[in-house]
Amino acid sequence: MDELASEDAGPPPELARELFLAFAWISLQSFGGALTFIERTVVRDKRWLSAKEFLGLYAVSQVLPGPTGVSFCVLLGDRFLGVRGAAAALGGFLLLPSVIIVSVATVFQQFQHVPQVQGALHGMGAASVGLIVTTAFRMSRTLRGQRIGIAVAALSFAAVGLARLPVSTVMLTLGVLSVWLAWRSRHP
């Protein structure tokens, strides 16, 4: 990952508290997906990673079991501050939303049949889709000039989005293929 470092990245976080607070803030802003907020915070606001470093770390977190955001927090925290950083980032990412979701679930049970509540949930779902599309577009700009990355992204979209193949199958086949192609392009 260090070979992807560039001048776009600034100084890393020095304290676990910085990671905890950053990911707590991310988790409070995100609803239905944190990728947009993670990218904005980590790459543009805090400048802990360059866009290429973010994309690489995100790709690794995608193939790990469990939610991508959780994996990303652990990987990023560990990268900068070891186990302490991983625990701080993960704690920040999960603590406040857990408290909020338990509280909201308790209240929601009593108001779930109200049409305005159902409409609000549909609106939040649409907003989440918009955030995901925006982030995918922003991340795709990092792949400019990288034919292998663009081809794998297009094939992945076609396989999962259009052909409705299982994500696990696509990840295994295209993931292995893309790693082999990338290795081969560096070692002709």
N, C-alpha and C. Protein backbone atom coordinates (compact mmCIF):
# COMPACT_ATOMS: atom_id res chain seq x y z
N MET A 1 0.83 -1.19 0.00
CA MET A 1 0.00 0.00 0.00
C MET A 1 0.86 1.24 0.00
N ASP A 2 2.07 1.18 0.57
CA ASP A 2 2.93 2.35 0.63
C ASP A 2 3.34 2.84 -0.74
N GLU A 3 3.39 1.92 -1.75
CA GLU A 3 3.77 2.35 -3.07
C GLU A 3 2.71 3.23 -3.71
N LEU A 4 1.50 3.20 -3.18
CA LEU A 4 0.44 4.04 -3.70
C LEU A 4 0.42 5.41 -3.04
N ALA A 5 1.24 5.61 -2.03
CA ALA A 5 1.24 6.88 -1.30
C ALA A 5 1.59 8.01 -2.26
N SER A 6 1.02 9.14 -2.01
CA SER A 6 1.31 10.30 -2.84
C SER A 6 1.27 11.54 -1.96
N GLU A 7 1.55 12.66 -2.60
CA GLU A 7 1.54 13.91 -1.86
C GLU A 7 0.14 14.32 -1.44
N ASP A 8 -0.89 13.60 -1.91
CA ASP A 8 -2.25 13.94 -1.54
C ASP A 8 -2.53 13.62 -0.07
N ALA A 9 -1.80 12.67 0.48
CA ALA A 9 -2.04 12.27 1.87
C ALA A 9 -1.29 13.22 2.80
N GLY A 10 -1.96 13.56 3.89
CA GLY A 10 -1.35 14.42 4.90
C GLY A 10 -0.84 13.57 6.05
N PRO A 11 -0.60 14.18 7.19
CA PRO A 11 -0.10 13.42 8.34
C PRO A 11 -1.17 12.48 8.90
N PRO A 12 -0.76 11.31 9.37
CA PRO A 12 -1.72 10.36 9.94
C PRO A 12 -2.20 10.85 11.31
N PRO A 13 -3.29 10.27 11.80
CA PRO A 13 -3.75 10.61 13.15
C PRO A 13 -2.71 10.18 14.17
N GLU A 14 -2.53 11.00 15.19
CA GLU A 14 -1.53 10.69 16.21
C GLU A 14 -2.14 10.03 17.44
N LEU A 15 -3.42 10.26 17.66
CA LEU A 15 -4.09 9.73 18.86
C LEU A 15 -5.28 8.85 18.48
N ALA A 16 -5.51 7.85 19.28
CA ALA A 16 -6.67 6.98 19.07
C ALA A 16 -7.96 7.79 19.18
N ARG A 17 -7.94 8.83 20.01
CA ARG A 17 -9.12 9.69 20.18
C ARG A 17 -9.52 10.33 18.84
N GLU A 18 -8.53 10.70 18.01
CA GLU A 18 -8.84 11.29 16.70
C GLU A 18 -9.62 10.30 15.84
N LEU A 19 -9.18 9.05 15.84
CA LEU A 19 -9.89 8.03 15.07
C LEU A 19 -11.29 7.80 15.62
N PHE A 20 -11.40 7.70 16.94
CA PHE A 20 -12.70 7.48 17.56
C PHE A 20 -13.68 8.59 17.18
N LEU A 21 -13.25 9.85 17.35
CA LEU A 21 -14.14 10.98 17.07
C LEU A 21 -14.47 11.10 15.59
N ALA A 22 -13.50 10.86 14.73
CA ALA A 22 -13.77 10.93 13.28
C ALA A 22 -14.80 9.89 12.87
N PHE A 23 -14.64 8.67 13.34
CA PHE A 23 -15.58 7.61 12.95
C PHE A 23 -16.91 7.73 13.68
N ALA A 24 -16.93 8.31 14.86
CA ALA A 24 -18.21 8.58 15.53
C ALA A 24 -18.99 9.62 14.72
N TRP A 25 -18.30 10.63 14.23
CA TRP A 25 -18.94 11.67 13.42
C TRP A 25 -19.43 11.08 12.10
N ILE A 26 -18.62 10.24 11.48
CA ILE A 26 -19.03 9.58 10.23
C ILE A 26 -20.30 8.77 10.46
N SER A 27 -20.32 8.00 11.53
CA SER A 27 -21.48 7.13 11.78
C SER A 27 -22.73 7.92 12.09
N LEU A 28 -22.58 9.10 12.67
CA LEU A 28 -23.75 9.93 12.95
C LEU A 28 -24.30 10.58 11.68
N GLN A 29 -23.46 10.81 10.70
CA GLN A 29 -23.90 11.44 9.45
C GLN A 29 -24.49 10.44 8.47
N SER A 30 -24.02 9.21 8.51
CA SER A 30 -24.39 8.25 7.48
C SER A 30 -25.65 7.49 7.86
N PHE A 31 -26.48 7.29 6.87
CA PHE A 31 -27.70 6.54 7.07
C PHE A 31 -27.87 5.64 5.86
N GLY A 32 -27.72 4.34 6.05
CA GLY A 32 -27.87 3.42 4.94
C GLY A 32 -26.56 3.13 4.23
N GLY A 33 -25.49 3.70 4.67
CA GLY A 33 -24.19 3.44 4.05
C GLY A 33 -23.23 4.56 4.38
N ALA A 34 -22.06 4.20 4.85
CA ALA A 34 -21.11 5.20 5.33
C ALA A 34 -20.00 5.51 4.34
N LEU A 35 -19.97 4.81 3.22
CA LEU A 35 -18.84 4.94 2.30
C LEU A 35 -18.58 6.39 1.88
N THR A 36 -19.61 7.11 1.53
CA THR A 36 -19.45 8.50 1.11
C THR A 36 -18.80 9.33 2.20
N PHE A 37 -19.25 9.15 3.41
CA PHE A 37 -18.75 9.95 4.52
C PHE A 37 -17.35 9.52 4.94
N ILE A 38 -17.07 8.21 4.84
CA ILE A 38 -15.72 7.74 5.14
C ILE A 38 -14.74 8.34 4.14
N GLU A 39 -15.08 8.26 2.85
CA GLU A 39 -14.19 8.79 1.81
C GLU A 39 -13.95 10.28 2.00
N ARG A 40 -15.01 11.02 2.23
CA ARG A 40 -14.88 12.47 2.41
C ARG A 40 -14.01 12.80 3.62
N THR A 41 -14.24 12.12 4.72
CA THR A 41 -13.48 12.41 5.94
C THR A 41 -12.03 11.99 5.82
N VAL A 42 -11.80 10.76 5.38
CA VAL A 42 -10.46 10.19 5.38
C VAL A 42 -9.57 10.77 4.27
N VAL A 43 -10.16 11.04 3.10
CA VAL A 43 -9.36 11.52 1.96
C VAL A 43 -9.36 13.04 1.86
N ARG A 44 -10.53 13.65 1.90
CA ARG A 44 -10.59 15.09 1.63
C ARG A 44 -10.45 15.97 2.87
N ASP A 45 -11.12 15.61 3.96
CA ASP A 45 -11.08 16.47 5.14
C ASP A 45 -9.82 16.26 5.98
N LYS A 46 -9.62 15.03 6.44
CA LYS A 46 -8.48 14.73 7.32
C LYS A 46 -7.19 14.49 6.54
N ARG A 47 -7.33 14.06 5.29
CA ARG A 47 -6.18 13.75 4.42
C ARG A 47 -5.26 12.70 5.02
N TRP A 48 -5.87 11.71 5.66
CA TRP A 48 -5.09 10.61 6.22
C TRP A 48 -4.62 9.67 5.12
N LEU A 49 -5.38 9.59 4.02
CA LEU A 49 -5.03 8.73 2.90
C LEU A 49 -5.18 9.50 1.60
N SER A 50 -4.40 9.12 0.59
CA SER A 50 -4.61 9.64 -0.75
C SER A 50 -5.81 8.90 -1.36
N ALA A 51 -6.30 9.38 -2.48
CA ALA A 51 -7.43 8.70 -3.13
C ALA A 51 -7.05 7.28 -3.53
N LYS A 52 -5.83 7.06 -3.99
CA LYS A 52 -5.40 5.71 -4.37
C LYS A 52 -5.27 4.82 -3.15
N GLU A 53 -4.74 5.35 -2.07
CA GLU A 53 -4.62 4.56 -0.84
C GLU A 53 -6.00 4.18 -0.33
N PHE A 54 -6.93 5.12 -0.38
CA PHE A 54 -8.30 4.85 0.06
C PHE A 54 -8.90 3.72 -0.78
N LEU A 55 -8.76 3.83 -2.10
CA LEU A 55 -9.32 2.84 -2.99
C LEU A 55 -8.74 1.46 -2.70
N GLY A 56 -7.43 1.39 -2.45
CA GLY A 56 -6.80 0.10 -2.13
C GLY A 56 -7.31 -0.47 -0.82
N LEU A 57 -7.39 0.36 0.21
CA LEU A 57 -7.87 -0.10 1.51
C LEU A 57 -9.34 -0.49 1.43
N TYR A 58 -10.11 0.27 0.67
CA TYR A 58 -11.52 -0.04 0.49
C TYR A 58 -11.69 -1.38 -0.23
N ALA A 59 -10.85 -1.62 -1.24
CA ALA A 59 -10.93 -2.89 -1.98
C ALA A 59 -10.66 -4.07 -1.05
N VAL A 60 -9.66 -3.93 -0.19
CA VAL A 60 -9.36 -5.01 0.75
C VAL A 60 -10.53 -5.21 1.72
N SER A 61 -11.10 -4.11 2.20
CA SER A 61 -12.21 -4.24 3.16
C SER A 61 -13.45 -4.84 2.52
N GLN A 62 -13.58 -4.71 1.20
CA GLN A 62 -14.72 -5.29 0.48
C GLN A 62 -14.67 -6.81 0.47
N VAL A 63 -13.47 -7.38 0.40
CA VAL A 63 -13.37 -8.84 0.28
C VAL A 63 -13.29 -9.54 1.64
N LEU A 64 -13.16 -8.78 2.71
CA LEU A 64 -13.15 -9.38 4.04
C LEU A 64 -14.58 -9.69 4.47
N PRO A 65 -14.77 -10.70 5.30
CA PRO A 65 -16.13 -11.01 5.76
C PRO A 65 -16.67 -9.90 6.66
N GLY A 66 -17.97 -9.72 6.62
CA GLY A 66 -18.61 -8.71 7.45
C GLY A 66 -18.84 -7.41 6.69
N PRO A 67 -19.46 -6.45 7.35
CA PRO A 67 -19.75 -5.17 6.71
C PRO A 67 -18.47 -4.44 6.31
N THR A 68 -18.49 -3.85 5.14
CA THR A 68 -17.32 -3.16 4.60
C THR A 68 -16.87 -2.01 5.49
N GLY A 69 -17.82 -1.23 6.00
CA GLY A 69 -17.47 -0.09 6.86
C GLY A 69 -16.73 -0.53 8.11
N VAL A 70 -17.17 -1.62 8.69
CA VAL A 70 -16.52 -2.15 9.90
C VAL A 70 -15.10 -2.60 9.56
N SER A 71 -14.96 -3.34 8.47
CA SER A 71 -13.63 -3.80 8.05
C SER A 71 -12.72 -2.62 7.77
N PHE A 72 -13.26 -1.59 7.11
CA PHE A 72 -12.45 -0.42 6.78
C PHE A 72 -11.95 0.27 8.06
N CYS A 73 -12.83 0.43 9.03
CA CYS A 73 -12.44 1.05 10.30
C CYS A 73 -11.29 0.30 10.95
N VAL A 74 -11.41 -1.01 11.00
CA VAL A 74 -10.39 -1.84 11.64
C VAL A 74 -9.07 -1.72 10.87
N LEU A 75 -9.13 -1.82 9.54
CA LEU A 75 -7.91 -1.74 8.73
C LEU A 75 -7.24 -0.38 8.86
N LEU A 76 -8.01 0.68 8.79
CA LEU A 76 -7.44 2.03 8.87
C LEU A 76 -6.86 2.29 10.26
N GLY A 77 -7.62 1.96 11.30
CA GLY A 77 -7.13 2.15 12.66
C GLY A 77 -5.86 1.36 12.92
N ASP A 78 -5.84 0.12 12.46
CA ASP A 78 -4.66 -0.72 12.63
C ASP A 78 -3.47 -0.17 11.85
N ARG A 79 -3.71 0.34 10.69
CA ARG A 79 -2.63 0.89 9.86
C ARG A 79 -1.90 2.02 10.56
N PHE A 80 -2.64 2.87 11.26
CA PHE A 80 -2.02 4.03 11.87
C PHE A 80 -1.59 3.82 13.32
N LEU A 81 -2.42 3.13 14.11
CA LEU A 81 -2.13 3.02 15.55
C LEU A 81 -2.23 1.60 16.09
N GLY A 82 -2.18 0.63 15.21
CA GLY A 82 -2.21 -0.76 15.65
C GLY A 82 -3.56 -1.16 16.23
N VAL A 83 -3.53 -2.10 17.16
CA VAL A 83 -4.77 -2.62 17.76
C VAL A 83 -5.54 -1.50 18.46
N ARG A 84 -4.83 -0.62 19.11
CA ARG A 84 -5.47 0.51 19.81
C ARG A 84 -6.24 1.38 18.81
N GLY A 85 -5.66 1.64 17.65
CA GLY A 85 -6.33 2.44 16.62
C GLY A 85 -7.52 1.72 16.02
N ALA A 86 -7.36 0.41 15.81
CA ALA A 86 -8.47 -0.38 15.27
C ALA A 86 -9.65 -0.37 16.24
N ALA A 87 -9.37 -0.54 17.52
CA ALA A 87 -10.44 -0.53 18.53
C ALA A 87 -11.09 0.85 18.62
N ALA A 88 -10.30 1.90 18.54
CA ALA A 88 -10.84 3.26 18.63
C ALA A 88 -11.73 3.57 17.43
N ALA A 89 -11.26 3.26 16.22
CA ALA A 89 -12.05 3.53 15.02
C ALA A 89 -13.34 2.72 15.03
N LEU A 90 -13.23 1.45 15.37
CA LEU A 90 -14.40 0.58 15.41
C LEU A 90 -15.38 1.03 16.50
N GLY A 91 -14.87 1.39 17.66
CA GLY A 91 -15.73 1.87 18.74
C GLY A 91 -16.46 3.14 18.35
N GLY A 92 -15.76 4.06 17.73
CA GLY A 92 -16.39 5.29 17.27
C GLY A 92 -17.46 5.02 16.23
N PHE A 93 -17.19 4.07 15.36
CA PHE A 93 -18.11 3.75 14.27
C PHE A 93 -19.38 3.05 14.76
N LEU A 94 -19.27 2.27 15.84
CA LEU A 94 -20.40 1.45 16.27
C LEU A 94 -21.13 1.92 17.52
N LEU A 95 -20.45 2.61 18.43
CA LEU A 95 -21.05 2.92 19.73
C LEU A 95 -22.31 3.79 19.64
N LEU A 96 -22.18 4.98 19.10
CA LEU A 96 -23.34 5.89 19.06
C LEU A 96 -24.47 5.36 18.18
N PRO A 97 -24.19 4.81 17.00
CA PRO A 97 -25.30 4.26 16.22
C PRO A 97 -26.02 3.12 16.92
N SER A 98 -25.30 2.32 17.69
CA SER A 98 -25.95 1.23 18.42
C SER A 98 -26.93 1.77 19.44
N VAL A 99 -26.52 2.79 20.17
CA VAL A 99 -27.40 3.41 21.16
C VAL A 99 -28.61 4.04 20.47
N ILE A 100 -28.35 4.74 19.37
CA ILE A 100 -29.43 5.42 18.64
C ILE A 100 -30.40 4.40 18.06
N ILE A 101 -29.90 3.35 17.44
CA ILE A 101 -30.78 2.40 16.77
C ILE A 101 -31.65 1.64 17.77
N VAL A 102 -31.13 1.33 18.93
CA VAL A 102 -31.95 0.67 19.95
C VAL A 102 -33.05 1.62 20.42
N SER A 103 -32.73 2.89 20.59
CA SER A 103 -33.73 3.88 21.00
C SER A 103 -34.78 4.08 19.92
N VAL A 104 -34.34 4.21 18.67
CA VAL A 104 -35.28 4.42 17.56
C VAL A 104 -36.17 3.19 17.38
N ALA A 105 -35.60 2.00 17.50
CA ALA A 105 -36.39 0.78 17.34
C ALA A 105 -37.49 0.70 18.39
N THR A 106 -37.17 1.12 19.58
CA THR A 106 -38.17 1.12 20.65
C THR A 106 -39.33 2.05 20.32
N VAL A 107 -39.00 3.24 19.82
CA VAL A 107 -40.04 4.21 19.45
C VAL A 107 -40.76 3.77 18.17
N PHE A 108 -40.00 3.23 17.20
CA PHE A 108 -40.58 2.84 15.92
C PHE A 108 -41.67 1.79 16.07
N GLN A 109 -41.54 0.89 17.03
CA GLN A 109 -42.55 -0.14 17.24
C GLN A 109 -43.93 0.48 17.45
N GLN A 110 -43.97 1.63 18.05
CA GLN A 110 -45.25 2.26 18.35
C GLN A 110 -45.79 3.08 17.19
N PHE A 111 -44.92 3.49 16.24
CA PHE A 111 -45.36 4.38 15.16
C PHE A 111 -45.14 3.80 13.76
N GLN A 112 -44.85 2.51 13.65
CA GLN A 112 -44.49 1.93 12.36
C GLN A 112 -45.62 1.95 11.33
N HIS A 113 -46.85 2.06 11.73
CA HIS A 113 -47.97 2.05 10.79
C HIS A 113 -48.39 3.45 10.35
N VAL A 114 -47.76 4.47 10.85
CA VAL A 114 -48.08 5.85 10.47
C VAL A 114 -47.53 6.09 9.06
N PRO A 115 -48.36 6.55 8.12
CA PRO A 115 -47.90 6.74 6.73
C PRO A 115 -46.71 7.69 6.60
N GLN A 116 -46.63 8.72 7.42
CA GLN A 116 -45.50 9.66 7.33
C GLN A 116 -44.18 8.98 7.70
N VAL A 117 -44.23 8.06 8.65
CA VAL A 117 -43.03 7.33 9.05
C VAL A 117 -42.58 6.42 7.91
N GLN A 118 -43.51 5.73 7.27
CA GLN A 118 -43.18 4.88 6.14
C GLN A 118 -42.62 5.70 4.97
N GLY A 119 -43.20 6.87 4.72
CA GLY A 119 -42.71 7.75 3.66
C GLY A 119 -41.30 8.25 3.94
N ALA A 120 -41.03 8.56 5.19
CA ALA A 120 -39.69 9.02 5.56
C ALA A 120 -38.66 7.93 5.32
N LEU A 121 -39.01 6.69 5.63
CA LEU A 121 -38.08 5.58 5.40
C LEU A 121 -37.80 5.38 3.91
N HIS A 122 -38.81 5.52 3.08
CA HIS A 122 -38.61 5.41 1.63
C HIS A 122 -37.70 6.54 1.12
N GLY A 123 -37.91 7.74 1.63
CA GLY A 123 -37.07 8.88 1.23
C GLY A 123 -35.62 8.69 1.64
N MET A 124 -35.39 8.15 2.82
CA MET A 124 -34.02 7.89 3.27
C MET A 124 -33.36 6.83 2.40
N GLY A 125 -34.10 5.84 1.96
CA GLY A 125 -33.56 4.82 1.07
C GLY A 125 -33.12 5.42 -0.26
N ALA A 126 -33.93 6.33 -0.82
CA ALA A 126 -33.58 6.99 -2.07
C ALA A 126 -32.33 7.86 -1.90
N ALA A 127 -32.24 8.55 -0.79
CA ALA A 127 -31.06 9.38 -0.53
C ALA A 127 -29.80 8.52 -0.41
N SER A 128 -29.93 7.36 0.20
CA SER A 128 -28.78 6.45 0.33
C SER A 128 -28.29 5.98 -1.04
N VAL A 129 -29.21 5.66 -1.92
CA VAL A 129 -28.82 5.24 -3.27
C VAL A 129 -28.07 6.37 -3.98
N GLY A 130 -28.55 7.60 -3.84
CA GLY A 130 -27.87 8.74 -4.45
C GLY A 130 -26.46 8.92 -3.92
N LEU A 131 -26.27 8.75 -2.62
CA LEU A 131 -24.94 8.86 -2.03
C LEU A 131 -24.00 7.77 -2.55
N ILE A 132 -24.51 6.56 -2.69
CA ILE A 132 -23.69 5.46 -3.18
C ILE A 132 -23.27 5.70 -4.63
N VAL A 133 -24.19 6.16 -5.47
CA VAL A 133 -23.87 6.43 -6.87
C VAL A 133 -22.83 7.55 -6.97
N THR A 134 -22.99 8.60 -6.18
CA THR A 134 -22.04 9.71 -6.18
C THR A 134 -20.64 9.23 -5.78
N THR A 135 -20.57 8.44 -4.74
CA THR A 135 -19.28 7.93 -4.28
C THR A 135 -18.66 7.00 -5.31
N ALA A 136 -19.46 6.16 -5.93
CA ALA A 136 -18.93 5.26 -6.97
C ALA A 136 -18.34 6.07 -8.12
N PHE A 137 -19.02 7.13 -8.51
CA PHE A 137 -18.51 7.99 -9.59
C PHE A 137 -17.19 8.64 -9.17
N ARG A 138 -17.14 9.16 -7.95
CA ARG A 138 -15.92 9.81 -7.46
C ARG A 138 -14.76 8.82 -7.39
N MET A 139 -15.05 7.61 -6.93
CA MET A 139 -14.00 6.59 -6.83
C MET A 139 -13.56 6.14 -8.21
N SER A 140 -14.46 6.13 -9.18
CA SER A 140 -14.10 5.68 -10.52
C SER A 140 -13.09 6.62 -11.17
N ARG A 141 -13.08 7.88 -10.80
CA ARG A 141 -12.11 8.83 -11.35
C ARG A 141 -10.69 8.43 -10.97
N THR A 142 -10.52 7.74 -9.86
CA THR A 142 -9.20 7.27 -9.45
C THR A 142 -8.67 6.21 -10.41
N LEU A 143 -9.57 5.53 -11.11
CA LEU A 143 -9.17 4.47 -12.03
C LEU A 143 -8.79 4.98 -13.43
N ARG A 144 -8.84 6.27 -13.66
CA ARG A 144 -8.50 6.80 -14.98
C ARG A 144 -7.15 6.28 -15.45
N GLY A 145 -7.12 5.82 -16.68
CA GLY A 145 -5.87 5.33 -17.25
C GLY A 145 -5.50 3.92 -16.83
N GLN A 146 -6.29 3.31 -15.98
CA GLN A 146 -6.01 1.95 -15.53
C GLN A 146 -7.02 1.00 -16.19
N ARG A 147 -6.64 0.51 -17.35
CA ARG A 147 -7.57 -0.30 -18.15
C ARG A 147 -8.05 -1.54 -17.41
N ILE A 148 -7.16 -2.16 -16.66
CA ILE A 148 -7.54 -3.38 -15.94
C ILE A 148 -8.61 -3.05 -14.90
N GLY A 149 -8.41 -1.99 -14.13
CA GLY A 149 -9.38 -1.61 -13.11
C GLY A 149 -10.73 -1.25 -13.70
N ILE A 150 -10.72 -0.52 -14.81
CA ILE A 150 -11.97 -0.13 -15.47
C ILE A 150 -12.68 -1.37 -16.01
N ALA A 151 -11.93 -2.28 -16.62
CA ALA A 151 -12.53 -3.49 -17.16
C ALA A 151 -13.14 -4.35 -16.06
N VAL A 152 -12.43 -4.51 -14.96
CA VAL A 152 -12.95 -5.32 -13.85
C VAL A 152 -14.19 -4.66 -13.25
N ALA A 153 -14.17 -3.34 -13.10
CA ALA A 153 -15.35 -2.63 -12.57
C ALA A 153 -16.55 -2.83 -13.49
N ALA A 154 -16.34 -2.71 -14.79
CA ALA A 154 -17.44 -2.87 -15.76
C ALA A 154 -17.96 -4.31 -15.76
N LEU A 155 -17.04 -5.27 -15.73
CA LEU A 155 -17.46 -6.67 -15.69
C LEU A 155 -18.21 -6.99 -14.39
N SER A 156 -17.75 -6.43 -13.29
CA SER A 156 -18.43 -6.65 -12.01
C SER A 156 -19.85 -6.11 -12.04
N PHE A 157 -19.99 -4.89 -12.56
CA PHE A 157 -21.32 -4.29 -12.68
C PHE A 157 -22.23 -5.16 -13.55
N ALA A 158 -21.70 -5.58 -14.71
CA ALA A 158 -22.50 -6.40 -15.62
C ALA A 158 -22.88 -7.73 -14.99
N ALA A 159 -21.94 -8.36 -14.31
CA ALA A 159 -22.19 -9.67 -13.72
C ALA A 159 -23.22 -9.61 -12.59
N VAL A 160 -23.05 -8.63 -11.70
CA VAL A 160 -23.94 -8.55 -10.53
C VAL A 160 -25.21 -7.77 -10.86
N GLY A 161 -25.04 -6.59 -11.47
CA GLY A 161 -26.18 -5.72 -11.72
C GLY A 161 -27.09 -6.16 -12.84
N LEU A 162 -26.51 -6.69 -13.91
CA LEU A 162 -27.32 -7.05 -15.07
C LEU A 162 -27.61 -8.55 -15.13
N ALA A 163 -26.58 -9.38 -14.95
CA ALA A 163 -26.77 -10.83 -15.04
C ALA A 163 -27.26 -11.44 -13.73
N ARG A 164 -27.24 -10.67 -12.66
CA ARG A 164 -27.72 -11.11 -11.35
C ARG A 164 -26.98 -12.33 -10.81
N LEU A 165 -25.66 -12.40 -11.09
CA LEU A 165 -24.85 -13.47 -10.54
C LEU A 165 -24.57 -13.19 -9.06
N PRO A 166 -24.35 -14.21 -8.27
CA PRO A 166 -24.06 -14.01 -6.85
C PRO A 166 -22.76 -13.19 -6.66
N VAL A 167 -22.79 -12.27 -5.73
CA VAL A 167 -21.63 -11.42 -5.47
C VAL A 167 -20.42 -12.26 -5.10
N SER A 168 -20.62 -13.32 -4.32
CA SER A 168 -19.48 -14.15 -3.91
C SER A 168 -18.79 -14.78 -5.11
N THR A 169 -19.55 -15.24 -6.08
CA THR A 169 -18.97 -15.83 -7.29
C THR A 169 -18.18 -14.79 -8.08
N VAL A 170 -18.76 -13.62 -8.23
CA VAL A 170 -18.10 -12.55 -8.98
C VAL A 170 -16.83 -12.10 -8.27
N MET A 171 -16.90 -11.98 -6.94
CA MET A 171 -15.72 -11.56 -6.17
C MET A 171 -14.60 -12.58 -6.32
N LEU A 172 -14.94 -13.84 -6.24
CA LEU A 172 -13.90 -14.87 -6.36
C LEU A 172 -13.29 -14.90 -7.76
N THR A 173 -14.12 -14.91 -8.78
CA THR A 173 -13.57 -15.03 -10.13
C THR A 173 -12.88 -13.74 -10.58
N LEU A 174 -13.59 -12.63 -10.52
CA LEU A 174 -13.00 -11.37 -10.98
C LEU A 174 -11.91 -10.87 -10.03
N GLY A 175 -12.07 -11.17 -8.75
CA GLY A 175 -11.03 -10.77 -7.79
C GLY A 175 -9.71 -11.46 -8.07
N VAL A 176 -9.77 -12.77 -8.24
CA VAL A 176 -8.55 -13.53 -8.55
C VAL A 176 -8.00 -13.10 -9.91
N LEU A 177 -8.88 -12.94 -10.90
CA LEU A 177 -8.44 -12.52 -12.23
C LEU A 177 -7.76 -11.14 -12.18
N SER A 178 -8.35 -10.20 -11.46
CA SER A 178 -7.77 -8.85 -11.41
C SER A 178 -6.44 -8.83 -10.68
N VAL A 179 -6.29 -9.62 -9.63
CA VAL A 179 -5.01 -9.70 -8.93
C VAL A 179 -3.95 -10.28 -9.86
N TRP A 180 -4.31 -11.34 -10.59
CA TRP A 180 -3.37 -11.94 -11.53
C TRP A 180 -2.98 -10.96 -12.64
N LEU A 181 -3.97 -10.24 -13.19
CA LEU A 181 -3.68 -9.27 -14.26
C LEU A 181 -2.81 -8.13 -13.76
N ALA A 182 -3.09 -7.65 -12.56
CA ALA A 182 -2.27 -6.57 -11.99
C ALA A 182 -0.84 -7.05 -11.75
N TRP A 183 -0.71 -8.26 -11.21
CA TRP A 183 0.64 -8.82 -10.99
C TRP A 183 1.38 -8.98 -12.30
N ARG A 184 0.67 -9.49 -13.29
CA ARG A 184 1.29 -9.73 -14.60
C ARG A 184 1.72 -8.41 -15.26
N SER A 185 0.93 -7.36 -15.08
CA SER A 185 1.29 -6.07 -15.70
C SER A 185 2.55 -5.47 -15.05
N ARG A 186 2.82 -5.82 -13.81
CA ARG A 186 4.02 -5.32 -13.12
C ARG A 186 5.23 -6.24 -13.29
N HIS A 187 4.96 -7.50 -13.65
CA HIS A 187 6.04 -8.49 -13.84
C HIS A 187 5.88 -9.16 -15.20
N PRO A 188 6.16 -8.45 -16.28
CA PRO A 188 5.95 -9.03 -17.62
C PRO A 188 6.86 -10.21 -17.90
